[in-house]
C-alpha atoms as a PDB file:
ATOM      1  CA  MET A   1      -4.559 -19.589 -24.563  1.00  0.00           C
ATOM      2  CA  ASN A   2      -7.067 -17.565 -26.626  1.00  0.00           C
ATOM      3  CA  ILE A   3      -7.972 -13.990 -27.454  1.00  0.00           C
ATOM      4  CA  GLY A   4      -9.948 -12.589 -24.548  1.00  0.00           C
ATOM      5  CA  ASP A   5      -8.152 -14.645 -21.883  1.00  0.00           C
ATOM      6  CA  ARG A   6      -6.984 -12.685 -18.853  1.00  0.00           C
ATOM      7  CA  VAL A   7      -3.280 -13.221 -18.184  1.00  0.00           C
ATOM      8  CA  ARG A   8      -0.426 -12.042 -15.960  1.00  0.00           C
ATOM      9  CA  LEU A   9       3.077 -11.281 -17.250  1.00  0.00           C
ATOM     10  CA  LEU A  10       5.767 -13.411 -15.623  1.00  0.00           C
ATOM     11  CA  HIS A  11       8.434 -10.715 -15.798  1.00  0.00           C
ATOM     12  CA  GLY A  12       6.268  -8.127 -14.079  1.00  0.00           C
ATOM     13  CA  LYS A  13       3.075  -7.552 -12.120  1.00  0.00           C
ATOM     14  CA  GLU A  14       0.980  -6.306 -15.057  1.00  0.00           C
ATOM     15  CA  GLU A  15      -2.279  -8.070 -15.822  1.00  0.00           C
ATOM     16  CA  GLY A  16      -4.427  -7.734 -18.900  1.00  0.00           C
ATOM     17  CA  VAL A  17      -6.443  -9.334 -21.673  1.00  0.00           C
ATOM     18  CA  ILE A  18      -5.017 -11.004 -24.801  1.00  0.00           C
ATOM     19  CA  ARG A  19      -6.013  -8.912 -27.839  1.00  0.00           C
ATOM     20  CA  ARG A  20      -3.920 -10.531 -30.580  1.00  0.00           C
ATOM     21  CA  ILE A  21      -2.127 -13.841 -31.207  1.00  0.00           C
ATOM     22  CA  SER A  22       0.250 -14.205 -34.143  1.00  0.00           C
ATOM     23  CA  SER A  23       1.187 -17.425 -35.924  1.00  0.00           C
ATOM     24  CA  SER A  24       4.738 -17.111 -34.557  1.00  0.00           C
ATOM     25  CA  GLY A  25       3.478 -17.415 -30.967  1.00  0.00           C
ATOM     26  CA  LYS A  26       3.702 -13.734 -30.087  1.00  0.00           C
ATOM     27  CA  ILE A  27       0.765 -12.101 -28.367  1.00  0.00           C
ATOM     28  CA  GLU A  28      -0.346  -8.599 -27.454  1.00  0.00           C
ATOM     29  CA  VAL A  29      -1.779  -7.977 -23.993  1.00  0.00           C
ATOM     30  CA  GLU A  30      -3.925  -4.941 -23.230  1.00  0.00           C
ATOM     31  CA  ILE A  31      -3.249  -3.828 -19.653  1.00  0.00           C
ATOM     32  CA  GLU A  32      -5.434  -1.708 -17.391  1.00  0.00           C
ATOM     33  CA  ASP A  33      -4.403   1.708 -18.757  1.00  0.00           C
ATOM     34  CA  GLY A  34      -5.088   0.653 -22.354  1.00  0.00           C
ATOM     35  CA  PHE A  35      -1.503   0.059 -23.457  1.00  0.00           C
ATOM     36  CA  LEU A  36      -0.674  -2.996 -25.548  1.00  0.00           C
ATOM     37  CA  ILE A  37       2.334  -5.011 -24.363  1.00  0.00           C
ATOM     38  CA  PRO A  38       3.971  -7.524 -26.756  1.00  0.00           C
ATOM     39  CA  ALA A  39       5.033 -10.838 -25.241  1.00  0.00           C
ATOM     40  CA  LEU A  40       5.630 -14.486 -25.993  1.00  0.00           C
ATOM     41  CA  LYS A  41       3.134 -17.086 -24.849  1.00  0.00           C
ATOM     42  CA  SER A  42       5.835 -18.497 -22.597  1.00  0.00           C
ATOM     43  CA  GLU A  43       6.079 -15.149 -20.793  1.00  0.00           C
ATOM     44  CA  VAL A  44       2.474 -15.075 -19.534  1.00  0.00           C
ATOM     45  CA  VAL A  45       0.213 -17.260 -17.435  1.00  0.00           C
ATOM     46  CA  LEU A  46      -3.541 -17.444 -17.218  1.00  0.00           C
ATOM     47  CA  ILE A  47      -4.965 -15.723 -14.183  1.00  0.00           C
ATOM     48  CA  ALA A  48      -5.926 -18.201 -11.497  1.00  0.00           C
ATOM     49  CA  ALA A  49      -3.911 -21.023 -13.049  1.00  0.00           C
ATOM     50  CA  THR A  50      -3.093 -22.223  -9.540  1.00  0.00           C
ATOM     51  CA  GLU A  51      -6.788 -22.265  -8.641  1.00  0.00           C
ATOM     52  CA  LYS A  52      -7.308 -24.687 -11.520  1.00  0.00           C
ATOM     53  CA  ASN A  53      -5.204 -27.267  -9.694  1.00  0.00           C
ATOM     54  CA  TYR A  54      -7.784 -27.301  -6.921  1.00  0.00           C
ATOM     55  CA  PHE A  55     -11.092 -26.517  -8.618  1.00  0.00           C
ATOM     56  CA  GLY A  56     -10.614 -28.037 -12.084  1.00  0.00           C
ATOM     57  CA  GLU A  57     -11.329 -24.824 -14.010  1.00  0.00           C
ATOM     58  CA  VAL A  58      -9.904 -21.357 -14.323  1.00  0.00           C
ATOM     59  CA  ALA A  59     -11.904 -18.469 -12.932  1.00  0.00           C
ATOM     60  CA  ASN A  60     -12.204 -15.511 -15.286  1.00  0.00           C
ATOM     61  CA  PRO A  61     -12.510 -12.176 -13.464  1.00  0.00           C
ATOM     62  CA  ASP A  62     -13.943 -10.545 -16.606  1.00  0.00           C
ATOM     63  CA  GLN A  63     -17.037 -12.712 -16.506  1.00  0.00           C
ATOM     64  CA  ASP A  64     -20.131 -11.281 -14.845  1.00  0.00           C
ATOM     65  CA  SER A  65     -20.420 -14.439 -12.763  1.00  0.00           C
ATOM     66  CA  PHE A  66     -17.101 -13.761 -11.017  1.00  0.00           C
ATOM     67  CA  THR A  67     -17.904 -12.686  -7.466  1.00  0.00           C
ATOM     68  CA  PRO A  68     -15.384 -13.289  -4.680  1.00  0.00           C
ATOM     69  CA  ALA A  69     -16.915 -15.185  -1.793  1.00  0.00           C
ATOM     70  CA  PRO A  70     -17.573 -12.872   1.149  1.00  0.00           C
ATOM     71  CA  ILE A  71     -15.168 -13.072   4.033  1.00  0.00           C
ATOM     72  CA  SER A  72     -16.287 -13.300   7.642  1.00  0.00           C
ATOM     73  CA  ALA A  73     -16.986  -9.891   9.076  1.00  0.00           C
ATOM     74  CA  PRO A  74     -14.664  -8.952  11.957  1.00  0.00           C
ATOM     75  CA  LYS A  75     -16.227  -8.297  15.348  1.00  0.00           C
ATOM     76  CA  ASP A  76     -14.995  -4.702  15.703  1.00  0.00           C
ATOM     77  CA  GLN A  77     -11.346  -5.731  15.551  1.00  0.00           C
ATOM     78  CA  GLY A  78     -10.550  -4.631  12.004  1.00  0.00           C
ATOM     79  CA  LEU A  79      -7.529  -6.944  12.039  1.00  0.00           C
ATOM     80  CA  TYR A  80      -6.613  -9.002   8.978  1.00  0.00           C
ATOM     81  CA  LEU A  81      -4.033 -11.406   7.632  1.00  0.00           C
ATOM     82  CA  ALA A  82      -3.591 -10.690   3.917  1.00  0.00           C
ATOM     83  CA  PHE A  83      -1.773 -12.601   1.168  1.00  0.00           C
ATOM     84  CA  LEU A  84      -0.824 -10.180  -1.611  1.00  0.00           C
ATOM     85  CA  PRO A  85       0.022 -11.850  -4.982  1.00  0.00           C
ATOM     86  CA  LEU A  86       3.308 -10.510  -6.393  1.00  0.00           C
ATOM     87  CA  ASN A  87       3.123 -12.733  -9.487  1.00  0.00           C
ATOM     88  CA  ASP A  88       1.754 -16.173 -10.344  1.00  0.00           C
ATOM     89  CA  GLN A  89       3.857 -17.873  -7.648  1.00  0.00           C
ATOM     90  CA  ASN A  90       4.893 -15.434  -4.910  1.00  0.00           C
ATOM     91  CA  LEU A  91       2.774 -13.948  -2.139  1.00  0.00           C
ATOM     92  CA  SER A  92       3.603 -11.299   0.458  1.00  0.00           C
ATOM     93  CA  LEU A  93       2.039 -11.669   3.907  1.00  0.00           C
ATOM     94  CA  TYR A  94       0.672  -8.587   5.655  1.00  0.00           C
ATOM     95  CA  LEU A  95      -0.865  -7.876   9.036  1.00  0.00           C
ATOM     96  CA  ILE A  96      -3.455  -5.118   8.627  1.00  0.00           C
ATOM     97  CA  ASN A  97      -4.906  -3.004  11.434  1.00  0.00           C
ATOM     98  CA  ASP A  98      -7.933  -1.159  10.061  1.00  0.00           C
ATOM     99  CA  SER A  99      -9.246  -0.392  13.537  1.00  0.00           C
ATOM    100  CA  LYS A 100      -8.861   2.620  15.839  1.00  0.00           C
ATOM    101  CA  GLN A 101      -6.970   0.498  18.369  1.00  0.00           C
ATOM    102  CA  THR A 102      -3.197  -0.028  18.541  1.00  0.00           C
ATOM    103  CA  TYR A 103      -2.004  -3.539  19.390  1.00  0.00           C
ATOM    104  CA  LEU A 104       1.145  -5.298  20.449  1.00  0.00           C
ATOM    105  CA  SER A 105       1.246  -8.115  17.898  1.00  0.00           C
ATOM    106  CA  HIS A 106       2.982 -11.447  17.573  1.00  0.00           C
ATOM    107  CA  ALA A 107       2.807 -13.595  14.426  1.00  0.00           C
ATOM    108  CA  SER A 108       4.381 -17.026  14.233  1.00  0.00           C
ATOM    109  CA  GLU A 109       4.334 -20.364  12.409  1.00  0.00           C
ATOM    110  CA  VAL A 110       3.335 -23.439  14.404  1.00  0.00           C
ATOM    111  CA  TYR A 111       5.388 -26.635  14.119  1.00  0.00           C
ATOM    112  CA  GLY A 112       3.866 -28.991  16.688  1.00  0.00           C
ATOM    113  CA  ASP A 113       5.016 -27.648  20.052  1.00  0.00           C
ATOM    114  CA  ASN A 114       7.489 -25.259  18.438  1.00  0.00           C
ATOM    115  CA  HIS A 115       6.949 -21.816  16.942  1.00  0.00           C
ATOM    116  CA  ARG A 116       8.934 -19.712  14.472  1.00  0.00           C
ATOM    117  CA  THR A 117       8.384 -16.008  14.969  1.00  0.00           C
ATOM    118  CA  LEU A 118       7.565 -13.991  11.855  1.00  0.00           C
ATOM    119  CA  TYR A 119       6.874 -10.653  13.527  1.00  0.00           C
ATOM    120  CA  THR A 120       6.748  -9.110  16.985  1.00  0.00           C
ATOM    121  CA  GLY A 121       6.034  -5.439  17.519  1.00  0.00           C
ATOM    122  CA  THR A 122       3.489  -2.650  17.619  1.00  0.00           C
ATOM    123  CA  LEU A 123       0.769  -2.673  14.969  1.00  0.00           C
ATOM    124  CA  ASN A 124      -0.548   0.870  14.925  1.00  0.00           C
ATOM    125  CA  SER A 125      -4.050   1.913  13.979  1.00  0.00           C
ATOM    126  CA  GLY A 126      -4.257   2.315  10.195  1.00  0.00           C
ATOM    127  CA  GLU A 127      -1.054   0.339   9.551  1.00  0.00           C
ATOM    128  CA  ALA A 128      -0.316  -2.553   7.179  1.00  0.00           C
ATOM    129  CA  LYS A 129       2.887  -4.429   8.054  1.00  0.00           C
ATOM    130  CA  LYS A 130       4.626  -6.900   5.736  1.00  0.00           C
ATOM    131  CA  ILE A 131       5.758  -9.916   7.780  1.00  0.00           C
ATOM    132  CA  ASP A 132       6.863 -12.616   5.331  1.00  0.00           C
ATOM    133  CA  GLU A 133       6.617 -14.135   1.844  1.00  0.00           C
ATOM    134  CA  ARG A 134       5.297 -17.483   0.583  1.00  0.00           C
ATOM    135  CA  LEU A 135       5.252 -19.646  -2.548  1.00  0.00           C
ATOM    136  CA  LEU A 136       1.724 -20.423  -3.696  1.00  0.00           C
ATOM    137  CA  LYS A 137       2.634 -23.866  -5.021  1.00  0.00           C
ATOM    138  CA  GLU A 138       3.842 -24.905  -1.537  1.00  0.00           C
ATOM    139  CA  MET A 139       0.553 -24.084   0.205  1.00  0.00           C
ATOM    140  CA  ASP A 140      -0.078 -27.711   1.181  1.00  0.00           C
ATOM    141  CA  GLU A 141       3.151 -27.575   3.196  1.00  0.00           C
ATOM    142  CA  TRP A 142       2.532 -24.249   4.944  1.00  0.00           C
ATOM    143  CA  PRO A 143       2.394 -24.575   8.737  1.00  0.00           C
ATOM    144  CA  ALA A 144      -0.457 -23.017  10.697  1.00  0.00           C
ATOM    145  CA  PHE A 145      -0.226 -19.311  11.507  1.00  0.00           C
ATOM    146  CA  LEU A 146      -0.703 -18.131  15.097  1.00  0.00           C
ATOM    147  CA  LEU A 147      -1.622 -14.457  15.536  1.00  0.00           C
ATOM    148  CA  ARG A 148      -1.734 -12.813  18.974  1.00  0.00           C
ATOM    149  CA  PHE A 149      -2.884  -9.306  19.847  1.00  0.00           C
ATOM    150  CA  ILE A 150      -2.608  -7.260  23.046  1.00  0.00           C
ATOM    151  CA  PRO A 151      -4.401  -3.867  22.952  1.00  0.00           C
ATOM    152  CA  ILE A 152      -2.441  -0.818  24.105  1.00  0.00           C
ATOM    153  CA  GLN A 153      -4.888   1.251  26.167  1.00  0.00           C
ATOM    154  CA  ASN A 154      -4.938   3.935  28.818  1.00  0.00           C
ATOM    155  CA  GLN A 155      -6.676   3.341  32.127  1.00  0.00           C
ATOM    156  CA  LEU A 156      -9.715   5.453  31.219  1.00  0.00           C
ATOM    157  CA  GLU A 157     -10.683   3.307  28.227  1.00  0.00           C
ATOM    158  CA  LYS A 158     -12.952   0.298  28.414  1.00  0.00           C
ATOM    159  CA  ALA A 159     -10.723  -2.740  28.652  1.00  0.00           C
ATOM    160  CA  ILE A 160     -10.341  -4.845  25.493  1.00  0.00           C
ATOM    161  CA  PRO A 161      -9.105  -8.393  26.133  1.00  0.00           C
ATOM    162  CA  ALA A 162      -6.002  -9.756  24.473  1.00  0.00           C
ATOM    163  CA  PHE A 163      -6.787 -12.601  22.079  1.00  0.00           C
ATOM    164  CA  GLU A 164      -5.246 -15.016  19.603  1.00  0.00           C
ATOM    165  CA  ARG A 165      -6.260 -16.662  16.342  1.00  0.00           C
ATOM    166  CA  GLN A 166      -4.730 -19.733  14.687  1.00  0.00           C
ATOM    167  CA  LEU A 167      -5.226 -20.304  10.960  1.00  0.00           C
ATOM    168  CA  LYS A 168      -4.344 -23.311   8.822  1.00  0.00           C
ATOM    169  CA  MET A 169      -4.674 -22.538   5.123  1.00  0.00           C
ATOM    170  CA  LYS A 170      -6.642 -25.053   3.055  1.00  0.00           C
ATOM    171  CA  PRO A 171      -6.367 -24.523  -0.718  1.00  0.00           C
ATOM    172  CA  THR A 172     -10.050 -25.196  -1.424  1.00  0.00           C
ATOM    173  CA  GLN A 173     -11.008 -22.417   1.025  1.00  0.00           C
ATOM    174  CA  PHE A 174      -8.049 -20.082   0.489  1.00  0.00           C
ATOM    175  CA  PHE A 175      -9.037 -19.020  -3.038  1.00  0.00           C
ATOM    176  CA  LYS A 176     -12.565 -18.144  -1.879  1.00  0.00           C
ATOM    177  CA  HIS A 177     -11.169 -15.301   0.251  1.00  0.00           C
ATOM    178  CA  LEU A 178     -10.284 -13.066  -2.684  1.00  0.00           C
ATOM    179  CA  SER A 179     -11.160  -9.524  -1.673  1.00  0.00           C
ATOM    180  CA  LYS A 180      -9.924  -5.935  -1.684  1.00  0.00           C
ATOM    181  CA  ALA A 181      -7.720  -5.250   1.320  1.00  0.00           C
ATOM    182  CA  PRO A 182      -8.259  -2.176   3.477  1.00  0.00           C
ATOM    183  CA  LEU A 183      -5.235   0.181   3.613  1.00  0.00           C
ATOM    184  CA  LEU A 184      -3.383  -1.761   0.902  1.00  0.00           C
ATOM    185  CA  ASP A 185      -6.215  -1.052  -1.557  1.00  0.00           C
ATOM    186  CA  LYS A 186      -5.233  -4.123  -3.567  1.00  0.00           C
ATOM    187  CA  THR A 187      -6.879  -7.431  -4.359  1.00  0.00           C
ATOM    188  CA  VAL A 188      -5.585 -10.031  -1.917  1.00  0.00           C
ATOM    189  CA  TYR A 189      -6.602 -13.228  -0.175  1.00  0.00           C
ATOM    190  CA  LEU A 190      -8.005 -11.688   2.990  1.00  0.00           C
ATOM    191  CA  PHE A 191      -8.696 -13.334   6.364  1.00  0.00           C
ATOM    192  CA  ALA A 192     -10.438 -11.451   9.152  1.00  0.00           C
ATOM    193  CA  LEU A 193      -8.918 -12.096  12.565  1.00  0.00           C
ATOM    194  CA  GLU A 194     -12.044 -12.125  14.679  1.00  0.00           C
ATOM    195  CA  GLN A 195     -12.192 -11.965  18.439  1.00  0.00           C
ATOM    196  CA  THR A 196     -12.279 -15.527  19.743  1.00  0.00           C
ATOM    197  CA  THR A 197     -13.616 -16.859  23.003  1.00  0.00           C
ATOM    198  CA  LYS A 198     -10.068 -17.703  24.082  1.00  0.00           C
ATOM    199  CA  GLU A 199      -8.515 -14.766  25.878  1.00  0.00           C
ATOM    200  CA  LEU A 200      -4.834 -14.599  26.693  1.00  0.00           C
ATOM    201  CA  ASP A 201      -3.062 -14.363  30.014  1.00  0.00           C
ATOM    202  CA  ILE A 202      -0.964 -11.280  29.323  1.00  0.00           C
ATOM    203  CA  ARG A 203       1.664 -12.079  31.957  1.00  0.00           C
ATOM    204  CA  SER A 204       2.201 -15.555  30.531  1.00  0.00           C
ATOM    205  CA  LEU A 205       2.296 -14.184  26.994  1.00  0.00           C
ATOM    206  CA  ASN A 206       4.843 -11.491  27.882  1.00  0.00           C
ATOM    207  CA  SER A 207       7.013 -14.132  29.517  1.00  0.00           C
ATOM    208  CA  GLU A 208       6.758 -16.360  26.430  1.00  0.00           C
ATOM    209  CA  LEU A 209       7.552 -13.528  24.038  1.00  0.00           C
ATOM    210  CA  SER A 210      10.586 -12.497  26.060  1.00  0.00           C
ATOM    211  CA  GLN A 211      11.928 -16.040  25.691  1.00  0.00           C
ATOM    212  CA  ILE A 212      11.211 -16.123  21.947  1.00  0.00           C
ATOM    213  CA  ASN A 213      12.696 -12.664  21.356  1.00  0.00           C
ATOM    214  CA  PRO A 214      15.296 -11.906  24.043  1.00  0.00           C
ATOM    215  CA  SER A 215      16.626  -8.365  23.992  1.00  0.00           C
ATOM    216  CA  PRO A 216      19.593  -8.339  21.618  1.00  0.00           C
ATOM    217  CA  ALA A 217      22.908  -6.998  22.765  1.00  0.00           C
ATOM    218  CA  PRO A 218      23.675  -3.590  21.307  1.00  0.00           C
ATOM    219  CA  SER A 219      25.630  -3.916  18.093  1.00  0.00           C
ATOM    220  CA  SER A 220      26.796  -1.541  15.431  1.00  0.00           C
ATOM    221  CA  VAL A 221      25.221  -1.904  11.996  1.00  0.00           C
ATOM    222  CA  GLN A 222      27.735  -2.232   9.195  1.00  0.00           C
ATOM    223  CA  LYS A 223      27.322   0.408   6.521  1.00  0.00           C
ATOM    224  CA  PRO A 224      26.726  -0.955   3.020  1.00  0.00           C
ATOM    225  CA  SER A 225      28.514   0.405  -0.016  1.00  0.00           C
ATOM    226  CA  ARG A 226      27.148   3.746  -1.228  1.00  0.00           C
ATOM    227  CA  SER A 227      26.449   2.102  -4.593  1.00  0.00           C
ATOM    228  CA  ILE A 228      24.663  -1.281  -4.789  1.00  0.00           C
ATOM    229  CA  ASP A 229      24.621  -3.238  -8.059  1.00  0.00           C
ATOM    230  CA  LEU A 230      21.359  -5.164  -8.376  1.00  0.00           C
ATOM    231  CA  HIS A 231      22.151  -6.889 -11.662  1.00  0.00           C
ATOM    232  CA  ILE A 232      21.329 -10.545 -11.072  1.00  0.00           C
ATOM    233  CA  GLU A 233      24.765 -11.614 -12.327  1.00  0.00           C
ATOM    234  CA  GLU A 234      26.249  -9.860  -9.286  1.00  0.00           C
ATOM    235  CA  LEU A 235      23.851 -11.523  -6.842  1.00  0.00           C
ATOM    236  CA  HIS A 236      23.646 -15.170  -7.923  1.00  0.00           C
ATOM    237  CA  PRO A 237      26.278 -17.623  -9.223  1.00  0.00           C
ATOM    238  CA  GLN A 238      23.938 -19.229 -11.801  1.00  0.00           C
ATOM    239  CA  PRO A 239      21.392 -16.614 -12.910  1.00  0.00           C
ATOM    240  CA  GLU A 240      20.562 -18.561 -16.082  1.00  0.00           C
ATOM    241  CA  LYS A 241      18.865 -21.217 -13.932  1.00  0.00           C
ATOM    242  CA  LEU A 242      16.498 -18.733 -12.301  1.00  0.00           C
ATOM    243  CA  SER A 243      13.006 -17.835 -13.451  1.00  0.00           C
ATOM    244  CA  ASN A 244      12.106 -14.170 -13.896  1.00  0.00           C
ATOM    245  CA  SER A 245      10.130 -14.165 -10.656  1.00  0.00           C
ATOM    246  CA  GLU A 246      13.052 -15.702  -8.740  1.00  0.00           C
ATOM    247  CA  LYS A 247      15.431 -13.092 -10.130  1.00  0.00           C
ATOM    248  CA  MET A 248      13.065 -10.317  -9.099  1.00  0.00           C
ATOM    249  CA  ARG A 249      12.663 -11.773  -5.600  1.00  0.00           C
ATOM    250  CA  ILE A 250      16.439 -11.937  -5.057  1.00  0.00           C
ATOM    251  CA  GLN A 251      16.997  -8.415  -6.383  1.00  0.00           C
ATOM    252  CA  LEU A 252      14.269  -6.931  -4.169  1.00  0.00           C
ATOM    253  CA  GLU A 253      15.528  -8.820  -1.107  1.00  0.00           C
ATOM    254  CA  VAL A 254      19.006  -7.334  -1.603  1.00  0.00           C
ATOM    255  CA  PHE A 255      17.496  -3.883  -2.220  1.00  0.00           C
ATOM    256  CA  GLU A 256      15.475  -3.981   1.012  1.00  0.00           C
ATOM    257  CA  ALA A 257      18.344  -5.421   3.075  1.00  0.00           C
ATOM    258  CA  LYS A 258      20.864  -2.809   1.873  1.00  0.00           C
ATOM    259  CA  LEU A 259      18.365   0.030   2.267  1.00  0.00           C
ATOM    260  CA  ASN A 260      17.595  -1.065   5.854  1.00  0.00           C
ATOM    261  CA  GLN A 261      21.333  -1.226   6.608  1.00  0.00           C
ATOM    262  CA  ALA A 262      21.826   2.249   5.170  1.00  0.00           C
ATOM    263  CA  ILE A 263      18.986   3.665   7.291  1.00  0.00           C
ATOM    264  CA  ALA A 264      20.086   1.868  10.481  1.00  0.00           C
ATOM    265  CA  SER A 265      23.722   2.908  10.091  1.00  0.00           C
ATOM    266  CA  GLY A 266      22.855   6.577   9.612  1.00  0.00           C
ATOM    267  CA  MET A 267      23.782   6.990   5.936  1.00  0.00           C
ATOM    268  CA  ASP A 268      22.331  10.042   4.216  1.00  0.00           C
ATOM    269  CA  GLU A 269      22.136   8.523   0.729  1.00  0.00           C
ATOM    270  CA  ILE A 270      22.591   5.296  -1.246  1.00  0.00           C
ATOM    271  CA  THR A 271      22.414   4.455  -4.950  1.00  0.00           C
ATOM    272  CA  PHE A 272      20.878   1.295  -6.413  1.00  0.00           C
ATOM    273  CA  ILE A 273      22.012   0.248  -9.904  1.00  0.00           C
ATOM    274  CA  HIS A 274      19.128  -1.698 -11.449  1.00  0.00           C
ATOM    275  CA  GLY A 275      19.767  -1.207 -15.173  1.00  0.00           C
ATOM    276  CA  LEU A 276      17.165  -0.358 -17.791  1.00  0.00           C
ATOM    277  CA  GLY A 277      15.830  -3.713 -19.038  1.00  0.00           C
ATOM    278  CA  ASN A 278      12.035  -3.706 -19.221  1.00  0.00           C
ATOM    279  CA  GLY A 279      11.775  -1.244 -16.324  1.00  0.00           C
ATOM    280  CA  VAL A 280       9.921  -3.616 -13.992  1.00  0.00           C
ATOM    281  CA  LEU A 281      12.612  -3.667 -11.275  1.00  0.00           C
ATOM    282  CA  ARG A 282      12.992   0.132 -11.346  1.00  0.00           C
ATOM    283  CA  LYS A 283       9.211   0.542 -11.116  1.00  0.00           C
ATOM    284  CA  GLU A 284       8.946  -1.811  -8.117  1.00  0.00           C
ATOM    285  CA  ILE A 285      11.871  -0.121  -6.316  1.00  0.00           C
ATOM    286  CA  HIS A 286      10.323   3.318  -6.831  1.00  0.00           C
ATOM    287  CA  LYS A 287       6.959   2.031  -5.644  1.00  0.00           C
ATOM    288  CA  ARG A 288       8.439   0.670  -2.420  1.00  0.00           C
ATOM    289  CA  LEU A 289      10.461   3.817  -1.786  1.00  0.00           C
ATOM    290  CA  SER A 290       7.330   5.957  -2.203  1.00  0.00           C
ATOM    291  CA  GLN A 291       5.684   4.066   0.678  1.00  0.00           C
ATOM    292  CA  LEU A 292       8.465   4.775   3.202  1.00  0.00           C
ATOM    293  CA  GLY A 293       8.270   7.703   5.583  1.00  0.00           C
ATOM    294  CA  ASN A 294      11.994   8.051   6.276  1.00  0.00           C
ATOM    295  CA  ILE A 295      13.002   8.755   2.661  1.00  0.00           C
ATOM    296  CA  LYS A 296      13.524  12.438   1.747  1.00  0.00           C
ATOM    297  CA  TYR A 297      13.352  11.776  -1.963  1.00  0.00           C
ATOM    298  CA  PHE A 298      14.600   9.471  -4.689  1.00  0.00           C
ATOM    299  CA  GLN A 299      15.451  10.126  -8.316  1.00  0.00           C
ATOM    300  CA  ASP A 300      16.994   8.627 -11.452  1.00  0.00           C
ATOM    301  CA  THR A 301      20.713   9.278 -11.413  1.00  0.00           C
ATOM    302  CA  GLN A 302      24.069   8.659 -13.115  1.00  0.00           C
ATOM    303  CA  LYS A 303      22.619   9.224 -16.553  1.00  0.00           C
ATOM    304  CA  ASP A 304      26.060   9.444 -18.181  1.00  0.00           C
ATOM    305  CA  GLN A 305      27.135   6.068 -16.794  1.00  0.00           C
ATOM    306  CA  TRP A 306      23.877   4.131 -16.498  1.00  0.00           C
ATOM    307  CA  GLY A 307      21.412   5.965 -18.743  1.00  0.00           C
ATOM    308  CA  TYR A 308      18.841   6.307 -15.963  1.00  0.00           C
ATOM    309  CA  GLY A 309      19.592   2.725 -14.919  1.00  0.00           C
ATOM    310  CA  ALA A 310      20.208   3.772 -11.306  1.00  0.00           C
ATOM    311  CA  THR A 311      18.204   5.366  -8.491  1.00  0.00           C
ATOM    312  CA  LEU A 312      19.611   7.720  -5.881  1.00  0.00           C
ATOM    313  CA  VAL A 313      17.890   7.536  -2.484  1.00  0.00           C
ATOM    314  CA  ARG A 314      18.220  10.390   0.028  1.00  0.00           C
ATOM    315  CA  ILE A 315      17.507   9.257   3.587  1.00  0.00           C
ATOM    316  CA  SER A 316      15.950  11.595   6.166  1.00  0.00           C
END
């Protein structure tokens, strides 16, 4: 690791360039807005370290020669499967609809003759929908993804056929799909879901989907506590054995699950206690809340008790 190397911080999502290395092993990383962040060498990783496992060298985005390989252009669909890096190990999967057409969508994993559904629902025009998460180091073991799309149209519009696309990720090709995602406006590994020659029998597909996702019996959603403690010690029996990225993943999973329960059960507010720390968890929670349409507002709260280590969420 040398001055000028581009790195990512393990305890957060910040990326930057190493500007100083001390004899004690401490470094200073200049991030995008010009701030210098102190860190230990053990707390950062070189960008594209995983790519090195497959290509034998680390790509440096600061070099003029760095140009992401172009992705295949979609044939008027504007539909994409995107893998958004959260850190050096974790990826979030998104379905993106950058077209003017709304689709009924079904995403699943393929295990031989069996499928595991990741998402079924309406993918509106101009919508990006998170459907799952993955570990980058387990890519060789990922099953194939099967994506199916049925356009929602009125009778006066020219008919668009339903279609499907199956993708099996190969590491040597995956890293060549680095691109900026529409709607997300972030750098992701982006795969265009082009119209294929195979069209779907909509009646057969509807029958199959009804078997995969039978209508659930009505059930009441249990209200969560009005105050949720996200300190990792409250969420995991052996937090000392977890990496920073694993801790963050668990905390955000609990945050999203409790927030969804609060919304579904009709609560008007809920408080998440995240502590101060380095501020990364608070920043990520606020970022996710800002992207939701059914949140009236959110704010730092309980200053006397938590010193701005908690966030109050008002639900619309």
